[in-house]
């Protein structure tokens, strides 16, 4: 076994809910993402995967629509964080596909 893989926090994934340190191990990041996904209803998880799979401009439009409504702002923040960090986005897509 080698050194643990470290993930530098480049994006604002932790902006409101996760509070990551400056460096996090990948398995810790996966656990934090899993907690967020577990807290979401099944329909919201399906919508999250659908939006993450959209082409760039359509995804940006959907994020803007979600942000404009206070009740879906947390969903929009999750999408924004996924846009800002490819690793988070890849983990989200992979974890959502497994469900």
C-alpha atoms as a PDB file:
ATOM      1  CA  UNK A   1       0.000   0.000   0.000  1.00  0.00           C
ATOM      2  CA  UNK A   2       1.223   3.442  -0.793  1.00  0.00           C
ATOM      3  CA  UNK A   3       0.492   6.807   0.642  1.00  0.00           C
ATOM      4  CA  UNK A   4      -3.185   7.777   0.904  1.00  0.00           C
ATOM      5  CA  UNK A   5      -4.469   9.748  -2.030  1.00  0.00           C
ATOM      6  CA  UNK A   6      -5.044  13.322  -1.015  1.00  0.00           C
ATOM      7  CA  UNK A   7      -7.527  15.638  -2.581  1.00  0.00           C
ATOM      8  CA  UNK A   8      -6.720  19.370  -2.534  1.00  0.00           C
ATOM      9  CA  UNK A   9      -9.822  21.460  -1.916  1.00  0.00           C
ATOM     10  CA  UNK A  10      -9.915  23.689  -5.010  1.00  0.00           C
ATOM     11  CA  UNK A  11     -13.623  24.299  -5.186  1.00  0.00           C
ATOM     12  CA  UNK A  12     -16.228  25.502  -2.740  1.00  0.00           C
ATOM     13  CA  UNK A  13     -17.862  22.085  -2.280  1.00  0.00           C
ATOM     14  CA  UNK A  14     -17.898  22.718   1.451  1.00  0.00           C
ATOM     15  CA  UNK A  15     -19.260  26.239   1.175  1.00  0.00           C
ATOM     16  CA  UNK A  16     -22.408  25.649   3.210  1.00  0.00           C
ATOM     17  CA  UNK A  17     -22.687  22.069   4.275  1.00  0.00           C
ATOM     18  CA  UNK A  18     -19.533  20.003   4.335  1.00  0.00           C
ATOM     19  CA  UNK A  19     -16.802  22.183   5.852  1.00  0.00           C
ATOM     20  CA  UNK A  20     -13.796  20.396   4.410  1.00  0.00           C
ATOM     21  CA  UNK A  21     -10.269  21.112   5.548  1.00  0.00           C
ATOM     22  CA  UNK A  22      -7.740  22.346   3.006  1.00  0.00           C
ATOM     23  CA  UNK A  23      -6.776  18.760   2.108  1.00  0.00           C
ATOM     24  CA  UNK A  24      -9.055  15.725   2.322  1.00  0.00           C
ATOM     25  CA  UNK A  25      -8.490  12.081   1.529  1.00  0.00           C
ATOM     26  CA  UNK A  26     -10.625  10.830  -1.356  1.00  0.00           C
ATOM     27  CA  UNK A  27     -12.441   8.262   0.789  1.00  0.00           C
ATOM     28  CA  UNK A  28     -13.398  11.044   3.236  1.00  0.00           C
ATOM     29  CA  UNK A  29     -14.741  13.114   0.353  1.00  0.00           C
ATOM     30  CA  UNK A  30     -16.766  10.108  -0.832  1.00  0.00           C
ATOM     31  CA  UNK A  31     -18.225   9.707   2.667  1.00  0.00           C
ATOM     32  CA  UNK A  32     -19.231  13.377   2.780  1.00  0.00           C
ATOM     33  CA  UNK A  33     -20.862  13.148  -0.641  1.00  0.00           C
ATOM     34  CA  UNK A  34     -22.655   9.971   0.418  1.00  0.00           C
ATOM     35  CA  UNK A  35     -24.092  11.780   3.450  1.00  0.00           C
ATOM     36  CA  UNK A  36     -25.465  14.520   1.193  1.00  0.00           C
ATOM     37  CA  UNK A  37     -26.965  12.006  -1.225  1.00  0.00           C
ATOM     38  CA  UNK A  38     -28.531   9.979   1.591  1.00  0.00           C
ATOM     39  CA  UNK A  39     -30.291  13.118   2.814  1.00  0.00           C
ATOM     40  CA  UNK A  40     -31.876  13.710  -0.602  1.00  0.00           C
ATOM     41  CA  UNK A  41     -35.176  12.159  -1.713  1.00  0.00           C
ATOM     42  CA  UNK A  42     -34.937   9.567  -4.484  1.00  0.00           C
ATOM     43  CA  UNK A  43     -36.522  11.911  -7.039  1.00  0.00           C
ATOM     44  CA  UNK A  44     -33.994  14.647  -6.247  1.00  0.00           C
ATOM     45  CA  UNK A  45     -31.102  12.203  -6.707  1.00  0.00           C
ATOM     46  CA  UNK A  46     -32.519  11.157 -10.085  1.00  0.00           C
ATOM     47  CA  UNK A  47     -32.857  14.802 -11.119  1.00  0.00           C
ATOM     48  CA  UNK A  48     -29.310  15.515  -9.951  1.00  0.00           C
ATOM     49  CA  UNK A  49     -27.926  12.753 -12.160  1.00  0.00           C
ATOM     50  CA  UNK A  50     -30.049  13.910 -15.096  1.00  0.00           C
ATOM     51  CA  UNK A  51     -28.784  17.489 -14.766  1.00  0.00           C
ATOM     52  CA  UNK A  52     -25.161  16.408 -14.331  1.00  0.00           C
ATOM     53  CA  UNK A  53     -25.413  14.503 -17.620  1.00  0.00           C
ATOM     54  CA  UNK A  54     -26.745  17.491 -19.613  1.00  0.00           C
ATOM     55  CA  UNK A  55     -24.518  19.401 -22.061  1.00  0.00           C
ATOM     56  CA  UNK A  56     -22.716  22.415 -20.579  1.00  0.00           C
ATOM     57  CA  UNK A  57     -25.106  25.188 -21.595  1.00  0.00           C
ATOM     58  CA  UNK A  58     -28.225  23.260 -20.651  1.00  0.00           C
ATOM     59  CA  UNK A  59     -26.647  22.383 -17.306  1.00  0.00           C
ATOM     60  CA  UNK A  60     -25.856  26.061 -16.705  1.00  0.00           C
ATOM     61  CA  UNK A  61     -29.467  27.002 -17.506  1.00  0.00           C
ATOM     62  CA  UNK A  62     -30.766  24.383 -15.088  1.00  0.00           C
ATOM     63  CA  UNK A  63     -28.454  25.646 -12.338  1.00  0.00           C
ATOM     64  CA  UNK A  64     -29.739  29.170 -12.915  1.00  0.00           C
ATOM     65  CA  UNK A  65     -33.344  27.997 -12.744  1.00  0.00           C
ATOM     66  CA  UNK A  66     -32.696  26.124  -9.503  1.00  0.00           C
ATOM     67  CA  UNK A  67     -30.890  29.082  -7.968  1.00  0.00           C
ATOM     68  CA  UNK A  68     -33.788  31.418  -8.700  1.00  0.00           C
ATOM     69  CA  UNK A  69     -36.107  29.542  -6.299  1.00  0.00           C
ATOM     70  CA  UNK A  70     -35.246  29.606  -2.571  1.00  0.00           C
ATOM     71  CA  UNK A  71     -36.641  26.090  -2.034  1.00  0.00           C
ATOM     72  CA  UNK A  72     -34.204  24.597  -4.581  1.00  0.00           C
ATOM     73  CA  UNK A  73     -31.168  26.721  -3.712  1.00  0.00           C
ATOM     74  CA  UNK A  74     -29.381  23.887  -1.860  1.00  0.00           C
ATOM     75  CA  UNK A  75     -29.803  21.722  -4.973  1.00  0.00           C
ATOM     76  CA  UNK A  76     -28.333  24.545  -7.089  1.00  0.00           C
ATOM     77  CA  UNK A  77     -25.389  24.923  -4.704  1.00  0.00           C
ATOM     78  CA  UNK A  78     -24.608  21.224  -5.044  1.00  0.00           C
ATOM     79  CA  UNK A  79     -24.685  21.587  -8.839  1.00  0.00           C
ATOM     80  CA  UNK A  80     -22.455  24.677  -8.669  1.00  0.00           C
ATOM     81  CA  UNK A  81     -19.946  22.838  -6.509  1.00  0.00           C
ATOM     82  CA  UNK A  82     -19.957  19.937  -8.981  1.00  0.00           C
ATOM     83  CA  UNK A  83     -19.359  22.392 -11.845  1.00  0.00           C
ATOM     84  CA  UNK A  84     -16.419  23.966 -10.082  1.00  0.00           C
ATOM     85  CA  UNK A  85     -14.659  20.704  -9.290  1.00  0.00           C
ATOM     86  CA  UNK A  86     -14.371  17.848 -11.789  1.00  0.00           C
ATOM     87  CA  UNK A  87     -13.429  15.340  -9.102  1.00  0.00           C
ATOM     88  CA  UNK A  88     -16.575  16.082  -7.095  1.00  0.00           C
ATOM     89  CA  UNK A  89     -18.644  15.890 -10.267  1.00  0.00           C
ATOM     90  CA  UNK A  90     -17.132  12.547 -11.241  1.00  0.00           C
ATOM     91  CA  UNK A  91     -17.709  11.133  -7.758  1.00  0.00           C
ATOM     92  CA  UNK A  92     -21.314  12.351  -7.761  1.00  0.00           C
ATOM     93  CA  UNK A  93     -22.071  10.841 -11.164  1.00  0.00           C
ATOM     94  CA  UNK A  94     -20.456   7.546 -10.223  1.00  0.00           C
ATOM     95  CA  UNK A  95     -22.246   7.300  -6.892  1.00  0.00           C
ATOM     96  CA  UNK A  96     -25.607   8.249  -8.407  1.00  0.00           C
ATOM     97  CA  UNK A  97     -25.248   5.684 -11.188  1.00  0.00           C
ATOM     98  CA  UNK A  98     -24.592   2.951  -8.619  1.00  0.00           C
ATOM     99  CA  UNK A  99     -27.901   3.596  -6.861  1.00  0.00           C
END
